């Protein structure tokens, strides 16, 4: 079979359109939902092919890619507009990072904490070795709670602000720890939840992720405002389960107005997707949302400034 440039371009068009449309189908299946994460990539590929087909003067390919560009742009671009109004209230800074349990380059995270000086720090994949390394920050963060574990699902929360309460529970179905805390911020109680569900790379793991998220959403929905959920949730905002999670928890994505801000995987920059999230209730005003530098993990950290 003879392979031609025209044939390859036609195949690229079919694949791009198929993935752009197919990932909009309301199909609650792990294989379909895995491909929903790459919406910005579909937009960039569609735009690149559109410009190429305009140059080549190919009417039907140009039309197909123009439609694909519009479709994906309508989904991606709204994340870059509509953020919160500037606030004159005192700001707090939160840093979230999946540190990668096998990562031993501890000083990169410690240096980032020194430069960013966040008030709250939520860390995931905290192993016992990581917890020992984090002893160095306890002077700056005298209030902490950790459930360090071997493997990829340990978790820790550090704060400059005293806890009113803090604990964890083992989320079903696999018993991964979820931290719940409340803090007194100038007379207001801020409710805080941190969680890290399973990566959904198979049917059973997909179901397990959804079960853990459903339990967390139910708990979050019972909390009064203001409230924050932080975590490597292993889903993007285009996953079919995401919107339901927001609605049940009574929260919204803090990255709204700041862009997509992808966080994983750092070893494949073009394929990076936004699976680390900070979700906040309506009474919280988000004034900044950006990713930090590499810290030796496969995730980039997130830094969020907000006011109550």
Protein backbone atom coordinates (compact mmCIF):
# COMPACT_ATOMS: atom_id res chain seq x y z
CA UNK A 1 0.00 0.00 0.00
CA UNK A 2 1.36 3.37 -1.05
CA UNK A 3 1.52 6.09 1.60
CA UNK A 4 1.17 9.66 0.33
CA UNK A 5 1.38 13.05 1.98
CA UNK A 6 -2.22 13.71 0.98
CA UNK A 7 -3.30 10.45 2.56
CA UNK A 8 -1.47 11.25 5.79
CA UNK A 9 -3.07 14.68 5.97
CA UNK A 10 -6.50 13.22 5.38
CA UNK A 11 -5.87 10.64 8.09
CA UNK A 12 -4.73 13.38 10.49
CA UNK A 13 -7.91 15.28 9.74
CA UNK A 14 -10.13 12.28 10.40
CA UNK A 15 -8.33 11.42 13.65
CA UNK A 16 -8.41 15.00 14.95
CA UNK A 17 -12.10 15.45 14.18
CA UNK A 18 -12.94 12.00 15.58
CA UNK A 19 -11.21 12.70 18.90
CA UNK A 20 -12.61 16.22 19.11
CA UNK A 21 -16.17 14.97 18.63
CA UNK A 22 -15.87 11.55 20.27
CA UNK A 23 -14.73 12.98 23.58
CA UNK A 24 -17.92 15.05 23.76
CA UNK A 25 -20.09 11.94 23.85
CA UNK A 26 -21.70 11.31 27.27
CA UNK A 27 -20.07 7.90 27.57
CA UNK A 28 -19.01 7.03 31.12
CA UNK A 29 -16.16 4.71 30.17
CA UNK A 30 -12.52 5.01 31.21
CA UNK A 31 -11.11 4.66 27.68
CA UNK A 32 -13.25 7.51 26.35
CA UNK A 33 -12.71 9.71 29.37
CA UNK A 34 -8.93 9.35 29.26
CA UNK A 35 -8.95 11.20 25.96
CA UNK A 36 -11.09 14.07 27.24
CA UNK A 37 -8.04 15.43 29.06
CA UNK A 38 -6.33 16.53 25.85
CA UNK A 39 -8.74 19.23 24.72
CA UNK A 40 -6.02 21.95 24.43
CA UNK A 41 -3.93 19.59 22.30
CA UNK A 42 -6.89 19.00 19.97
CA UNK A 43 -7.20 22.76 19.58
CA UNK A 44 -3.51 23.26 18.79
CA UNK A 45 -3.41 20.38 16.30
CA UNK A 46 -6.60 21.61 14.63
CA UNK A 47 -5.21 25.13 14.34
CA UNK A 48 -1.91 23.87 12.90
CA UNK A 49 -3.68 21.72 10.31
CA UNK A 50 -6.04 24.57 9.44
CA UNK A 51 -3.14 26.88 8.64
CA UNK A 52 -1.49 24.15 6.58
CA UNK A 53 -4.65 23.44 4.59
CA UNK A 54 -5.21 27.14 3.94
CA UNK A 55 -1.68 27.25 2.52
CA UNK A 56 -2.31 24.13 0.44
CA UNK A 57 -5.68 25.50 -0.74
CA UNK A 58 -7.62 22.38 0.17
CA UNK A 59 -11.23 23.54 0.65
CA UNK A 60 -12.81 20.53 2.36
CA UNK A 61 -9.85 19.87 4.66
CA UNK A 62 -9.76 23.57 5.51
CA UNK A 63 -13.46 23.49 6.33
CA UNK A 64 -13.15 20.40 8.51
CA UNK A 65 -10.29 21.89 10.48
CA UNK A 66 -12.01 25.26 10.80
CA UNK A 67 -14.98 23.51 12.39
CA UNK A 68 -12.64 21.58 14.71
CA UNK A 69 -10.85 24.78 15.73
CA UNK A 70 -14.13 26.49 16.59
CA UNK A 71 -15.40 23.47 18.53
CA UNK A 72 -12.28 23.12 20.65
CA UNK A 73 -11.82 26.87 21.10
CA UNK A 74 -15.34 27.15 22.53
CA UNK A 75 -14.33 24.62 25.18
CA UNK A 76 -10.79 25.81 25.95
CA UNK A 77 -10.78 29.61 25.65
CA UNK A 78 -13.45 30.35 28.31
CA UNK A 79 -10.93 29.21 30.93
CA UNK A 80 -8.89 32.31 30.11
CA UNK A 81 -11.66 34.80 30.87
CA UNK A 82 -14.12 35.53 33.67
CA UNK A 83 -11.94 35.40 36.76
CA UNK A 84 -12.79 36.99 40.09
CA UNK A 85 -12.72 40.74 40.61
CA UNK A 86 -9.68 42.10 42.49
CA UNK A 87 -10.17 42.03 46.23
CA UNK A 88 -8.98 44.44 48.92
CA UNK A 89 -9.22 41.74 51.57
CA UNK A 90 -6.12 40.14 53.06
CA UNK A 91 -4.72 37.41 50.84
CA UNK A 92 -3.62 33.91 51.71
CA UNK A 93 -1.32 31.77 49.59
CA UNK A 94 -1.73 28.03 49.08
CA UNK A 95 0.84 25.70 47.53
CA UNK A 96 -0.16 22.24 46.33
CA UNK A 97 2.29 19.67 45.04
CA UNK A 98 2.31 16.01 44.17
CA UNK A 99 5.94 15.49 45.17
CA UNK A 100 6.30 11.97 43.65
CA UNK A 101 7.10 9.39 46.30
CA UNK A 102 10.25 8.18 44.51
CA UNK A 103 11.61 11.73 44.15
CA UNK A 104 14.58 12.29 46.48
CA UNK A 105 15.41 15.83 45.34
CA UNK A 106 13.83 17.27 48.46
CA UNK A 107 15.70 20.60 48.33
CA UNK A 108 13.86 21.71 45.20
CA UNK A 109 10.56 21.74 47.04
CA UNK A 110 12.15 23.33 50.10
CA UNK A 111 13.63 26.09 47.93
CA UNK A 112 10.23 26.70 46.34
CA UNK A 113 8.64 27.04 49.78
CA UNK A 114 11.34 29.53 50.73
CA UNK A 115 10.71 31.64 47.63
CA UNK A 116 6.91 31.49 47.60
CA UNK A 117 6.33 31.54 51.39
CA UNK A 118 2.80 30.09 51.19
CA UNK A 119 0.54 30.12 54.21
CA UNK A 120 -0.86 26.64 53.49
CA UNK A 121 0.91 23.65 51.94
CA UNK A 122 -0.82 20.49 50.75
CA UNK A 123 1.49 17.69 49.60
CA UNK A 124 0.67 14.33 48.05
CA UNK A 125 2.64 11.12 47.50
CA UNK A 126 4.30 11.80 50.85
CA UNK A 127 6.33 8.76 51.85
CA UNK A 128 7.95 8.24 55.28
CA UNK A 129 11.26 9.44 53.76
CA UNK A 130 9.57 12.58 52.48
CA UNK A 131 8.11 13.24 55.89
CA UNK A 132 11.58 13.10 57.44
CA UNK A 133 12.86 15.58 54.83
CA UNK A 134 9.95 17.90 55.61
CA UNK A 135 11.06 18.21 59.23
CA UNK A 136 13.10 21.20 58.00
CA UNK A 137 9.97 23.29 57.39
CA UNK A 138 8.30 22.75 60.75
CA UNK A 139 9.77 25.97 62.10
CA UNK A 140 7.94 27.95 59.42
CA UNK A 141 4.87 25.68 59.51
CA UNK A 142 4.30 24.79 63.16
CA UNK A 143 0.88 23.28 62.47
CA UNK A 144 0.81 20.09 60.45
CA UNK A 145 -0.93 16.81 59.90
CA UNK A 146 0.44 13.92 57.90
CA UNK A 147 -0.52 10.41 56.89
CA UNK A 148 2.70 9.29 55.22
CA UNK A 149 2.58 5.99 53.39
CA UNK A 150 4.78 3.88 51.21
CA UNK A 151 3.65 4.03 47.62
CA UNK A 152 1.88 6.93 45.95
CA UNK A 153 -0.94 7.93 48.26
CA UNK A 154 0.55 9.46 51.41
CA UNK A 155 -0.59 13.00 52.18
CA UNK A 156 0.45 15.91 54.39
CA UNK A 157 -0.85 19.37 55.25
CA UNK A 158 1.31 22.18 56.68
CA UNK A 159 0.06 25.53 57.89
CA UNK A 160 1.27 28.79 59.41
CA UNK A 161 -2.26 29.17 60.81
CA UNK A 162 -3.47 27.10 63.78
CA UNK A 163 -5.96 24.33 63.08
CA UNK A 164 -9.33 24.42 64.78
CA UNK A 165 -9.55 20.76 63.88
CA UNK A 166 -7.70 18.34 61.61
CA UNK A 167 -7.93 14.63 60.90
CA UNK A 168 -8.00 12.15 58.07
CA UNK A 169 -10.16 9.27 56.95
CA UNK A 170 -9.42 6.38 54.62
CA UNK A 171 -11.46 6.96 51.48
CA UNK A 172 -13.14 3.92 49.94
CA UNK A 173 -12.63 1.75 48.05
CA UNK A 174 -8.84 1.49 48.50
CA UNK A 175 -8.44 3.32 51.81
CA UNK A 176 -6.36 6.21 50.46
CA UNK A 177 -6.16 8.99 53.06
CA UNK A 178 -8.17 12.19 52.74
CA UNK A 179 -7.31 15.07 55.08
CA UNK A 180 -10.03 17.31 56.49
CA UNK A 181 -9.21 20.47 58.42
CA UNK A 182 -10.72 23.72 59.60
CA UNK A 183 -8.84 26.94 60.32
CA UNK A 184 -9.87 30.22 61.90
CA UNK A 185 -9.11 33.04 59.46
CA UNK A 186 -9.88 36.38 61.12
CA UNK A 187 -12.99 34.99 62.74
CA UNK A 188 -14.12 32.96 59.72
CA UNK A 189 -13.85 29.19 59.69
CA UNK A 190 -12.22 27.91 56.49
CA UNK A 191 -12.97 24.26 55.73
CA UNK A 192 -10.22 22.45 53.88
CA UNK A 193 -10.10 18.99 52.25
CA UNK A 194 -7.14 17.33 50.50
CA UNK A 195 -7.44 14.07 48.57
CA UNK A 196 -5.70 11.96 45.92
CA UNK A 197 -7.71 9.21 44.17
CA UNK A 198 -6.53 6.38 41.94
CA UNK A 199 -5.31 7.04 38.40
CA UNK A 200 -8.11 5.81 36.06
CA UNK A 201 -6.13 3.69 33.60
CA UNK A 202 -8.50 0.70 33.67
CA UNK A 203 -12.17 0.03 34.27
CA UNK A 204 -11.75 -0.98 37.95
CA UNK A 205 -9.35 1.90 38.67
CA UNK A 206 -11.72 4.35 36.93
CA UNK A 207 -14.58 3.11 39.11
CA UNK A 208 -12.36 3.40 42.21
CA UNK A 209 -11.42 6.99 41.37
CA UNK A 210 -15.06 7.91 40.87
CA UNK A 211 -16.08 6.25 44.14
CA UNK A 212 -13.46 8.16 46.12
CA UNK A 213 -14.42 11.45 44.44
CA UNK A 214 -18.12 10.82 45.09
CA UNK A 215 -17.45 10.31 48.79
CA UNK A 216 -15.33 13.44 49.00
CA UNK A 217 -17.94 15.48 47.09
CA UNK A 218 -20.62 14.32 49.51
CA UNK A 219 -18.49 15.40 52.48
CA UNK A 220 -17.58 18.69 50.80
CA UNK A 221 -21.22 19.43 50.07
CA UNK A 222 -22.02 19.20 53.79
CA UNK A 223 -19.39 21.80 54.71
CA UNK A 224 -20.45 25.41 55.10
CA UNK A 225 -18.66 28.13 53.16
CA UNK A 226 -15.90 29.10 52.83
CA UNK A 227 -14.37 25.79 51.75
CA UNK A 228 -11.50 24.57 49.60
CA UNK A 229 -10.71 21.21 48.04
CA UNK A 230 -7.13 20.54 46.92
CA UNK A 231 -5.69 17.52 45.22
CA UNK A 232 -4.30 15.55 42.36
CA UNK A 233 -7.77 14.41 41.37
CA UNK A 234 -6.66 12.40 38.33
CA UNK A 235 -9.33 13.96 36.17
CA UNK A 236 -9.51 17.12 34.11
CA UNK A 237 -12.36 19.60 33.93
CA UNK A 238 -13.59 17.91 30.74
CA UNK A 239 -14.10 14.48 32.28
CA UNK A 240 -17.77 13.51 32.34
CA UNK A 241 -17.59 13.12 36.14
CA UNK A 242 -16.05 16.53 36.82
CA UNK A 243 -19.09 18.81 36.58
CA UNK A 244 -21.10 16.54 38.86
CA UNK A 245 -18.26 16.68 41.40
CA UNK A 246 -18.33 20.48 41.36
CA UNK A 247 -22.09 20.60 41.77
CA UNK A 248 -22.24 18.08 44.60
CA UNK A 249 -19.38 19.74 46.45
CA UNK A 250 -20.66 23.29 45.97
CA UNK A 251 -17.33 24.49 44.59
CA UNK A 252 -15.80 25.94 41.41
CA UNK A 253 -12.40 25.66 39.82
CA UNK A 254 -9.93 28.29 41.02
CA UNK A 255 -8.12 28.31 37.65
CA UNK A 256 -11.12 29.98 35.94
CA UNK A 257 -9.82 33.16 34.33
CA UNK A 258 -6.18 32.08 34.64
CA UNK A 259 -6.08 29.53 31.84
CA UNK A 260 -5.68 25.77 31.59
CA UNK A 261 -2.47 25.62 33.70
CA UNK A 262 -1.52 21.99 32.97
CA UNK A 263 0.46 20.14 35.63
CA UNK A 264 1.22 16.60 34.42
CA UNK A 265 3.33 14.95 32.96
CA UNK A 266 6.36 17.23 32.99
CA UNK A 267 8.38 14.70 30.98
CA UNK A 268 6.01 15.17 27.98
CA UNK A 269 5.43 18.93 27.76
CA UNK A 270 3.14 18.81 24.71
CA UNK A 271 0.90 16.22 26.40
CA UNK A 272 0.56 18.01 29.74
CA UNK A 273 -2.96 18.11 31.18
CA UNK A 274 -4.69 19.81 34.16
CA UNK A 275 -5.35 17.04 36.67
CA UNK A 276 -4.22 18.90 39.81
CA UNK A 277 -6.97 21.14 41.12
CA UNK A 278 -7.91 23.73 43.69
CA UNK A 279 -11.69 24.07 43.97
CA UNK A 280 -13.23 26.84 46.05
CA UNK A 281 -16.67 27.94 47.20
CA UNK A 282 -18.28 31.09 45.82
CA UNK A 283 -17.40 33.29 48.79
CA UNK A 284 -13.68 32.83 48.14
CA UNK A 285 -12.07 35.31 45.75
CA UNK A 286 -9.16 33.86 43.76
CA UNK A 287 -6.53 36.50 42.96
CA UNK A 288 -3.78 34.34 41.48
CA UNK A 289 -3.35 30.87 40.03
CA UNK A 290 -0.14 29.59 38.44
CA UNK A 291 2.14 26.58 38.27
CA UNK A 292 5.52 26.51 39.91
CA UNK A 293 8.86 25.21 38.59
CA UNK A 294 9.88 21.58 38.37
CA UNK A 295 10.65 20.01 41.74
CA UNK A 296 11.85 16.59 40.57
CA UNK A 297 8.29 15.25 40.41
CA UNK A 298 6.26 14.28 37.36
CA UNK A 299 3.80 17.03 38.42
CA UNK A 300 4.25 20.78 38.56
CA UNK A 301 3.16 22.41 41.81
CA UNK A 302 0.25 24.85 41.91
CA UNK A 303 0.31 28.19 43.72
CA UNK A 304 -2.98 29.94 44.44
CA UNK A 305 -3.63 33.24 46.17
CA UNK A 306 -7.09 33.90 47.53
CA UNK A 307 -9.08 35.92 50.03
CA UNK A 308 -12.17 35.14 52.09
